[in-house]
C-alpha atoms as a PDB file:
ATOM      1  CA  MET A   1      33.453  -5.324 -42.037  1.00  0.00           C
ATOM      2  CA  THR A   2      34.819  -5.042 -38.633  1.00  0.00           C
ATOM      3  CA  ILE A   3      36.217  -7.650 -36.624  1.00  0.00           C
ATOM      4  CA  GLN A   4      34.726  -8.285 -33.130  1.00  0.00           C
ATOM      5  CA  THR A   5      37.053  -7.994 -30.130  1.00  0.00           C
ATOM      6  CA  VAL A   6      36.978  -9.943 -27.138  1.00  0.00           C
ATOM      7  CA  SER A   7      35.662  -7.120 -24.777  1.00  0.00           C
ATOM      8  CA  GLY A   8      32.788  -6.508 -27.291  1.00  0.00           C
ATOM      9  CA  LEU A   9      31.795 -10.340 -27.468  1.00  0.00           C
ATOM     10  CA  ARG A  10      31.822 -10.276 -23.792  1.00  0.00           C
ATOM     11  CA  ARG A  11      29.790  -7.261 -23.581  1.00  0.00           C
ATOM     12  CA  LEU A  12      27.360  -8.659 -26.054  1.00  0.00           C
ATOM     13  CA  GLN A  13      27.053 -12.233 -24.357  1.00  0.00           C
ATOM     14  CA  ARG A  14      26.123 -10.295 -20.727  1.00  0.00           C
ATOM     15  CA  ARG A  15      23.644  -8.373 -22.560  1.00  0.00           C
ATOM     16  CA  VAL A  16      21.993 -11.605 -23.744  1.00  0.00           C
ATOM     17  CA  ASP A  17      22.265 -13.377 -20.622  1.00  0.00           C
ATOM     18  CA  ARG A  18      20.608 -10.629 -18.825  1.00  0.00           C
ATOM     19  CA  ARG A  19      17.831 -10.775 -21.000  1.00  0.00           C
ATOM     20  CA  ARG A  20      17.769 -14.965 -21.266  1.00  0.00           C
ATOM     21  CA  CYS A  21      17.563 -14.725 -17.099  1.00  0.00           C
ATOM     22  CA  ALA A  22      14.690 -11.679 -17.107  1.00  0.00           C
ATOM     23  CA  ALA A  23      12.633 -13.888 -19.386  1.00  0.00           C
ATOM     24  CA  ALA A  24      13.590 -17.045 -17.409  1.00  0.00           C
ATOM     25  CA  ARG A  25      11.923 -14.892 -14.323  1.00  0.00           C
ATOM     26  CA  VAL A  26       8.761 -13.967 -16.202  1.00  0.00           C
ATOM     27  CA  ILE A  27       8.158 -17.441 -17.598  1.00  0.00           C
ATOM     28  CA  SER A  28       8.494 -18.540 -13.746  1.00  0.00           C
ATOM     29  CA  ALA A  29       6.108 -16.151 -12.954  1.00  0.00           C
ATOM     30  CA  MET A  30       3.800 -17.229 -15.843  1.00  0.00           C
ATOM     31  CA  GLN A  31       4.071 -21.021 -14.768  1.00  0.00           C
ATOM     32  CA  SER A  32       3.049 -19.649 -11.278  1.00  0.00           C
ATOM     33  CA  GLY A  33      -0.347 -18.459 -13.070  1.00  0.00           C
ATOM     34  CA  GLU A  34       0.595 -14.621 -13.973  1.00  0.00           C
ATOM     35  CA  ALA A  35      -0.522 -13.466 -17.413  1.00  0.00           C
ATOM     36  CA  LEU A  36       1.840 -10.897 -19.381  1.00  0.00           C
ATOM     37  CA  LYS A  37       0.077  -8.083 -20.866  1.00  0.00           C
ATOM     38  CA  LYS A  38       0.637  -5.163 -23.095  1.00  0.00           C
ATOM     39  CA  HIS A  39      -0.971  -1.845 -22.538  1.00  0.00           C
ATOM     40  CA  PHE A  40      -0.475   1.117 -25.122  1.00  0.00           C
ATOM     41  CA  THR A  41       0.872   4.507 -23.765  1.00  0.00           C
ATOM     42  CA  SER A  42       1.681   7.724 -25.498  1.00  0.00           C
ATOM     43  CA  GLN A  43       5.100   6.413 -25.639  1.00  0.00           C
ATOM     44  CA  GLY A  44       4.358   3.172 -27.152  1.00  0.00           C
ATOM     45  CA  PRO A  45       3.427  -0.285 -25.863  1.00  0.00           C
ATOM     46  CA  VAL A  46       4.412  -1.449 -22.234  1.00  0.00           C
ATOM     47  CA  TYR A  47       4.508  -4.841 -21.029  1.00  0.00           C
ATOM     48  CA  THR A  48       3.363  -6.007 -17.255  1.00  0.00           C
ATOM     49  CA  LEU A  49       2.766  -9.276 -15.553  1.00  0.00           C
ATOM     50  CA  THR A  50      -0.280  -9.316 -13.837  1.00  0.00           C
ATOM     51  CA  ASN A  51       1.176  -8.864 -10.500  1.00  0.00           C
ATOM     52  CA  GLY A  52       1.973  -5.351 -11.681  1.00  0.00           C
ATOM     53  CA  LYS A  53       5.830  -6.080 -12.339  1.00  0.00           C
ATOM     54  CA  PRO A  54       6.956  -4.102 -15.559  1.00  0.00           C
ATOM     55  CA  VAL A  55       8.746  -6.431 -18.456  1.00  0.00           C
ATOM     56  CA  SER A  56      10.921  -4.660 -20.851  1.00  0.00           C
ATOM     57  CA  HIS A  57      10.164  -5.180 -24.524  1.00  0.00           C
ATOM     58  CA  ASP A  58      13.249  -7.067 -25.456  1.00  0.00           C
ATOM     59  CA  VAL A  59      11.991  -9.571 -22.451  1.00  0.00           C
ATOM     60  CA  ALA A  60       8.472  -9.441 -23.773  1.00  0.00           C
ATOM     61  CA  ALA A  61       9.759 -10.383 -27.312  1.00  0.00           C
ATOM     62  CA  VAL A  62      12.033 -13.721 -26.112  1.00  0.00           C
ATOM     63  CA  VAL A  63       9.009 -14.704 -23.632  1.00  0.00           C
ATOM     64  CA  THR A  64       6.230 -14.656 -26.235  1.00  0.00           C
ATOM     65  CA  ALA A  65       8.514 -16.594 -29.004  1.00  0.00           C
ATOM     66  CA  ASP A  66       8.621 -19.418 -26.559  1.00  0.00           C
ATOM     67  CA  ILE A  67       6.314 -22.255 -27.819  1.00  0.00           C
ATOM     68  CA  GLN A  68       4.322 -22.755 -24.396  1.00  0.00           C
ATOM     69  CA  VAL A  69       3.405 -18.921 -24.242  1.00  0.00           C
ATOM     70  CA  ILE A  70      -0.029 -18.932 -26.049  1.00  0.00           C
ATOM     71  CA  PRO A  71      -1.772 -15.478 -27.094  1.00  0.00           C
ATOM     72  CA  VAL A  72      -5.247 -14.378 -25.552  1.00  0.00           C
ATOM     73  CA  ASN A  73      -7.080 -13.183 -28.669  1.00  0.00           C
ATOM     74  CA  ASP A  74      -8.461 -10.175 -26.561  1.00  0.00           C
ATOM     75  CA  GLY A  75      -6.930  -7.247 -28.697  1.00  0.00           C
ATOM     76  CA  LEU A  76      -8.626  -4.695 -30.225  1.00  0.00           C
ATOM     77  CA  PHE A  77      -8.224  -6.143 -33.613  1.00  0.00           C
ATOM     78  CA  PRO A  78      -7.967  -9.786 -34.797  1.00  0.00           C
ATOM     79  CA  GLY A  79      -4.658 -11.532 -34.819  1.00  0.00           C
ATOM     80  CA  THR A  80      -3.320  -8.579 -32.247  1.00  0.00           C
ATOM     81  CA  PRO A  81      -3.256 -10.623 -28.838  1.00  0.00           C
ATOM     82  CA  GLN A  82      -2.509  -8.157 -25.827  1.00  0.00           C
ATOM     83  CA  THR A  83      -2.242 -10.871 -22.989  1.00  0.00           C
ATOM     84  CA  TRP A  84      -0.364 -14.268 -23.139  1.00  0.00           C
ATOM     85  CA  ARG A  85      -0.571 -17.040 -20.674  1.00  0.00           C
ATOM     86  CA  TRP A  86       1.679 -20.087 -19.978  1.00  0.00           C
ATOM     87  CA  ALA A  87      -0.176 -23.624 -21.473  1.00  0.00           C
ATOM     88  CA  GLU A  88       0.766 -26.527 -19.702  1.00  0.00           C
END
């Protein structure tokens, strides 16, 4: 077990803060009517908003975990949503 250094903890906190801010921007766009979409490419899943702005996988995981973001079951298989919307 290693002991965390102050600089290591600051670096980790900055990364978490960047992810939270990005998630807040995506949720704000979703409150304005945008939807989060998941597309599959040869490199893996890609998340975008309906206005075309890309969303990173980490930020999409934070956004979809929000209780007011609901999945729209439009995926190929049951239980695999590809679209999420803001519920008021």
